[in-house]
Amino acid sequence: MQPTIRQYPDTWHAAEEDQERAWLDDWMRGRVCPATLQVCSRTTATVPALTVAGSC
């Protein structure tokens, strides 16, 4: 795997880019609350159970 080429050479922009990538990863994994756009803690985040209508 090739290393990611950073768009900005300075430390601040690189840190912001890393933070954004981490947030996007959490978003794709369903760890971000869609109402607040904040990352939910792993212990409180719940995934709703799928139910089939009419099943017991």
PDB file of N, CA and C in Angstrom:
ATOM      1  N   MET A   1       0.837  -1.176   0.000  1.00  0.00           N
ATOM      2  CA  MET A   1       0.000   0.000   0.000  1.00  0.00           C
ATOM      3  C   MET A   1       0.884   1.242   0.000  1.00  0.00           C
ATOM      4  N   GLN A   2       0.578   2.163  -0.870  1.00  0.00           N
ATOM      5  CA  GLN A   2       1.363   3.383  -0.953  1.00  0.00           C
ATOM      6  C   GLN A   2       0.982   4.336   0.173  1.00  0.00           C
ATOM      7  N   PRO A   3       1.948   5.071   0.697  1.00  0.00           N
ATOM      8  CA  PRO A   3       1.617   6.049   1.738  1.00  0.00           C
ATOM      9  C   PRO A   3       0.757   7.170   1.163  1.00  0.00           C
ATOM     10  N   THR A   4      -0.107   7.713   1.995  1.00  0.00           N
ATOM     11  CA  THR A   4      -0.961   8.811   1.570  1.00  0.00           C
ATOM     12  C   THR A   4      -0.128  10.074   1.416  1.00  0.00           C
ATOM     13  N   ILE A   5      -0.296  10.740   0.304  1.00  0.00           N
ATOM     14  CA  ILE A   5       0.405  11.997   0.076  1.00  0.00           C
ATOM     15  C   ILE A   5      -0.440  13.101   0.700  1.00  0.00           C
ATOM     16  N   ARG A   6       0.140  13.815   1.618  1.00  0.00           N
ATOM     17  CA  ARG A   6      -0.594  14.871   2.312  1.00  0.00           C
ATOM     18  C   ARG A   6      -0.676  16.116   1.427  1.00  0.00           C
ATOM     19  N   GLN A   7      -1.843  16.741   1.474  1.00  0.00           N
ATOM     20  CA  GLN A   7      -2.050  17.943   0.690  1.00  0.00           C
ATOM     21  C   GLN A   7      -1.293  19.124   1.293  1.00  0.00           C
ATOM     22  N   TYR A   8      -1.183  19.141   2.619  1.00  0.00           N
ATOM     23  CA  TYR A   8      -0.526  20.250   3.304  1.00  0.00           C
ATOM     24  C   TYR A   8       0.712  19.740   4.023  1.00  0.00           C
ATOM     25  N   PRO A   9       1.837  20.426   3.898  1.00  0.00           N
ATOM     26  CA  PRO A   9       3.065  19.950   4.530  1.00  0.00           C
ATOM     27  C   PRO A   9       3.190  20.312   6.013  1.00  0.00           C
ATOM     28  N   ASP A  10       2.366  21.252   6.514  1.00  0.00           N
ATOM     29  CA  ASP A  10       2.558  21.682   7.897  1.00  0.00           C
ATOM     30  C   ASP A  10       1.826  20.759   8.878  1.00  0.00           C
ATOM     31  N   THR A  11       2.250  20.806  10.114  1.00  0.00           N
ATOM     32  CA  THR A  11       1.757  19.900  11.149  1.00  0.00           C
ATOM     33  C   THR A  11       0.287  20.115  11.450  1.00  0.00           C
ATOM     34  N   TRP A  12      -0.150  21.366  11.536  1.00  0.00           N
ATOM     35  CA  TRP A  12      -1.545  21.643  11.894  1.00  0.00           C
ATOM     36  C   TRP A  12      -2.502  21.055  10.869  1.00  0.00           C
ATOM     37  N   HIS A  13      -2.248  21.316   9.587  1.00  0.00           N
ATOM     38  CA  HIS A  13      -3.125  20.790   8.547  1.00  0.00           C
ATOM     39  C   HIS A  13      -3.084  19.263   8.505  1.00  0.00           C
ATOM     40  N   ALA A  14      -1.924  18.693   8.714  1.00  0.00           N
ATOM     41  CA  ALA A  14      -1.807  17.232   8.723  1.00  0.00           C
ATOM     42  C   ALA A  14      -2.637  16.641   9.859  1.00  0.00           C
ATOM     43  N   ALA A  15      -2.609  17.264  11.035  1.00  0.00           N
ATOM     44  CA  ALA A  15      -3.400  16.777  12.172  1.00  0.00           C
ATOM     45  C   ALA A  15      -4.891  16.911  11.894  1.00  0.00           C
ATOM     46  N   GLU A  16      -5.311  18.016  11.297  1.00  0.00           N
ATOM     47  CA  GLU A  16      -6.719  18.205  10.946  1.00  0.00           C
ATOM     48  C   GLU A  16      -7.171  17.159   9.926  1.00  0.00           C
ATOM     49  N   GLU A  17      -6.320  16.868   8.959  1.00  0.00           N
ATOM     50  CA  GLU A  17      -6.646  15.867   7.949  1.00  0.00           C
ATOM     51  C   GLU A  17      -6.784  14.485   8.582  1.00  0.00           C
ATOM     52  N   ASP A  18      -5.894  14.144   9.496  1.00  0.00           N
ATOM     53  CA  ASP A  18      -5.981  12.858  10.196  1.00  0.00           C
ATOM     54  C   ASP A  18      -7.259  12.768  11.011  1.00  0.00           C
ATOM     55  N   GLN A  19      -7.628  13.864  11.675  1.00  0.00           N
ATOM     56  CA  GLN A  19      -8.849  13.881  12.483  1.00  0.00           C
ATOM     57  C   GLN A  19     -10.082  13.717  11.591  1.00  0.00           C
ATOM     58  N   GLU A  20     -10.080  14.364  10.437  1.00  0.00           N
ATOM     59  CA  GLU A  20     -11.202  14.238   9.511  1.00  0.00           C
ATOM     60  C   GLU A  20     -11.307  12.809   8.980  1.00  0.00           C
ATOM     61  N   ARG A  21     -10.181  12.203   8.659  1.00  0.00           N
ATOM     62  CA  ARG A  21     -10.201  10.818   8.179  1.00  0.00           C
ATOM     63  C   ARG A  21     -10.739   9.870   9.249  1.00  0.00           C
ATOM     64  N   ALA A  22     -10.367  10.106  10.510  1.00  0.00           N
ATOM     65  CA  ALA A  22     -10.865   9.273  11.606  1.00  0.00           C
ATOM     66  C   ALA A  22     -12.372   9.443  11.757  1.00  0.00           C
ATOM     67  N   TRP A  23     -12.876  10.688  11.641  1.00  0.00           N
ATOM     68  CA  TRP A  23     -14.310  10.937  11.757  1.00  0.00           C
ATOM     69  C   TRP A  23     -15.058  10.256  10.614  1.00  0.00           C
ATOM     70  N   LEU A  24     -14.526  10.358   9.401  1.00  0.00           N
ATOM     71  CA  LEU A  24     -15.173   9.713   8.259  1.00  0.00           C
ATOM     72  C   LEU A  24     -15.189   8.196   8.414  1.00  0.00           C
ATOM     73  N   ASP A  25     -14.136   7.632   8.972  1.00  0.00           N
ATOM     74  CA  ASP A  25     -14.100   6.199   9.233  1.00  0.00           C
ATOM     75  C   ASP A  25     -15.188   5.823  10.238  1.00  0.00           C
ATOM     76  N   ASP A  26     -15.321   6.621  11.305  1.00  0.00           N
ATOM     77  CA  ASP A  26     -16.379   6.370  12.286  1.00  0.00           C
ATOM     78  C   ASP A  26     -17.755   6.498  11.639  1.00  0.00           C
ATOM     79  N   TRP A  27     -17.934   7.475  10.758  1.00  0.00           N
ATOM     80  CA  TRP A  27     -19.211   7.679  10.064  1.00  0.00           C
ATOM     81  C   TRP A  27     -19.557   6.442   9.230  1.00  0.00           C
ATOM     82  N   MET A  28     -18.580   5.940   8.480  1.00  0.00           N
ATOM     83  CA  MET A  28     -18.835   4.775   7.630  1.00  0.00           C
ATOM     84  C   MET A  28     -19.132   3.530   8.453  1.00  0.00           C
ATOM     85  N   ARG A  29     -18.608   3.452   9.659  1.00  0.00           N
ATOM     86  CA  ARG A  29     -18.840   2.297  10.520  1.00  0.00           C
ATOM     87  C   ARG A  29     -20.078   2.461  11.400  1.00  0.00           C
ATOM     88  N   GLY A  30     -20.822   3.558  11.225  1.00  0.00           N
ATOM     89  CA  GLY A  30     -22.055   3.773  11.964  1.00  0.00           C
ATOM     90  C   GLY A  30     -21.857   4.230  13.397  1.00  0.00           C
ATOM     91  N   ARG A  31     -20.737   4.833  13.699  1.00  0.00           N
ATOM     92  CA  ARG A  31     -20.451   5.276  15.065  1.00  0.00           C
ATOM     93  C   ARG A  31     -20.783   6.750  15.292  1.00  0.00           C
ATOM     94  N   VAL A  32     -21.311   7.429  14.277  1.00  0.00           N
ATOM     95  CA  VAL A  32     -21.621   8.847  14.398  1.00  0.00           C
ATOM     96  C   VAL A  32     -23.133   9.009  14.494  1.00  0.00           C
ATOM     97  N   CYS A  33     -23.575   9.763  15.499  1.00  0.00           N
ATOM     98  CA  CYS A  33     -24.998  10.036  15.681  1.00  0.00           C
ATOM     99  C   CYS A  33     -25.452  10.973  14.562  1.00  0.00           C
ATOM    100  N   PRO A  34     -26.448  10.583  13.752  1.00  0.00           N
ATOM    101  CA  PRO A  34     -26.863  11.439  12.640  1.00  0.00           C
ATOM    102  C   PRO A  34     -27.530  12.738  13.091  1.00  0.00           C
ATOM    103  N   ALA A  35     -28.065  12.776  14.304  1.00  0.00           N
ATOM    104  CA  ALA A  35     -28.724  13.988  14.796  1.00  0.00           C
ATOM    105  C   ALA A  35     -27.718  15.045  15.235  1.00  0.00           C
ATOM    106  N   THR A  36     -26.625  14.620  15.863  1.00  0.00           N
ATOM    107  CA  THR A  36     -25.658  15.575  16.401  1.00  0.00           C
ATOM    108  C   THR A  36     -24.349  15.622  15.628  1.00  0.00           C
ATOM    109  N   LEU A  37     -24.111  14.625  14.790  1.00  0.00           N
ATOM    110  CA  LEU A  37     -22.864  14.468  14.040  1.00  0.00           C
ATOM    111  C   LEU A  37     -21.657  14.316  14.955  1.00  0.00           C
ATOM    112  N   GLN A  38     -21.900  13.881  16.181  1.00  0.00           N
ATOM    113  CA  GLN A  38     -20.835  13.608  17.139  1.00  0.00           C
ATOM    114  C   GLN A  38     -20.582  12.111  17.176  1.00  0.00           C
ATOM    115  N   VAL A  39     -19.349  11.734  17.410  1.00  0.00           N
ATOM    116  CA  VAL A  39     -19.003  10.320  17.515  1.00  0.00           C
ATOM    117  C   VAL A  39     -19.545   9.802  18.838  1.00  0.00           C
ATOM    118  N   CYS A  40     -20.327   8.722  18.763  1.00  0.00           N
ATOM    119  CA  CYS A  40     -20.870   8.098  19.962  1.00  0.00           C
ATOM    120  C   CYS A  40     -19.775   7.247  20.591  1.00  0.00           C
ATOM    121  N   SER A  41     -19.801   7.153  21.907  1.00  0.00           N
ATOM    122  CA  SER A  41     -18.824   6.274  22.549  1.00  0.00           C
ATOM    123  C   SER A  41     -19.186   4.840  22.204  1.00  0.00           C
ATOM    124  N   ARG A  42     -18.200   3.988  22.142  1.00  0.00           N
ATOM    125  CA  ARG A  42     -18.441   2.605  21.752  1.00  0.00           C
ATOM    126  C   ARG A  42     -19.341   1.872  22.743  1.00  0.00           C
ATOM    127  N   THR A  43     -19.340   2.278  24.003  1.00  0.00           N
ATOM    128  CA  THR A  43     -20.148   1.580  24.998  1.00  0.00           C
ATOM    129  C   THR A  43     -21.606   1.999  24.946  1.00  0.00           C
ATOM    130  N   THR A  44     -21.899   3.224  24.476  1.00  0.00           N
ATOM    131  CA  THR A  44     -23.287   3.668  24.447  1.00  0.00           C
ATOM    132  C   THR A  44     -23.907   3.574  23.066  1.00  0.00           C
ATOM    133  N   ALA A  45     -23.097   3.404  22.051  1.00  0.00           N
ATOM    134  CA  ALA A  45     -23.647   3.302  20.705  1.00  0.00           C
ATOM    135  C   ALA A  45     -24.357   1.971  20.542  1.00  0.00           C
ATOM    136  N   THR A  46     -25.571   2.046  20.042  1.00  0.00           N
ATOM    137  CA  THR A  46     -26.332   0.823  19.823  1.00  0.00           C
ATOM    138  C   THR A  46     -26.772   0.761  18.380  1.00  0.00           C
ATOM    139  N   VAL A  47     -26.856  -0.418  17.887  1.00  0.00           N
ATOM    140  CA  VAL A  47     -27.344  -0.642  16.540  1.00  0.00           C
ATOM    141  C   VAL A  47     -28.734  -1.224  16.675  1.00  0.00           C
ATOM    142  N   PRO A  48     -29.738  -0.591  16.071  1.00  0.00           N
ATOM    143  CA  PRO A  48     -31.089  -1.114  16.217  1.00  0.00           C
ATOM    144  C   PRO A  48     -31.211  -2.503  15.608  1.00  0.00           C
ATOM    145  N   ALA A  49     -31.935  -3.356  16.292  1.00  0.00           N
ATOM    146  CA  ALA A  49     -32.138  -4.720  15.808  1.00  0.00           C
ATOM    147  C   ALA A  49     -33.154  -4.695  14.674  1.00  0.00           C
ATOM    148  N   LEU A  50     -32.894  -5.462  13.662  1.00  0.00           N
ATOM    149  CA  LEU A  50     -33.830  -5.573  12.552  1.00  0.00           C
ATOM    150  C   LEU A  50     -34.952  -6.519  12.945  1.00  0.00           C
ATOM    151  N   THR A  51     -36.171  -6.113  12.688  1.00  0.00           N
ATOM    152  CA  THR A  51     -37.312  -6.976  12.980  1.00  0.00           C
ATOM    153  C   THR A  51     -38.141  -7.122  11.726  1.00  0.00           C
ATOM    154  N   VAL A  52     -38.777  -8.246  11.608  1.00  0.00           N
ATOM    155  CA  VAL A  52     -39.650  -8.513  10.473  1.00  0.00           C
ATOM    156  C   VAL A  52     -41.076  -8.323  10.958  1.00  0.00           C
ATOM    157  N   ALA A  53     -41.849  -7.550  10.233  1.00  0.00           N
ATOM    158  CA  ALA A  53     -43.231  -7.301  10.627  1.00  0.00           C
ATOM    159  C   ALA A  53     -44.003  -8.612  10.682  1.00  0.00           C
ATOM    160  N   GLY A  54     -44.723  -8.808  11.762  1.00  0.00           N
ATOM    161  CA  GLY A  54     -45.531 -10.011  11.917  1.00  0.00           C
ATOM    162  C   GLY A  54     -44.791 -11.170  12.554  1.00  0.00           C
ATOM    163  N   SER A  55     -43.514 -11.015  12.867  1.00  0.00           N
ATOM    164  CA  SER A  55     -42.791 -12.114  13.500  1.00  0.00           C
ATOM    165  C   SER A  55     -42.863 -11.967  15.011  1.00  0.00           C
ATOM    166  N   CYS A  56     -42.760 -13.072  15.702  1.00  0.00           N
ATOM    167  CA  CYS A  56     -42.837 -13.056  17.166  1.00  0.00           C
ATOM    168  C   CYS A  56     -41.469 -13.096  17.771  1.00  0.00           C
TER     169      CYS A  56
END
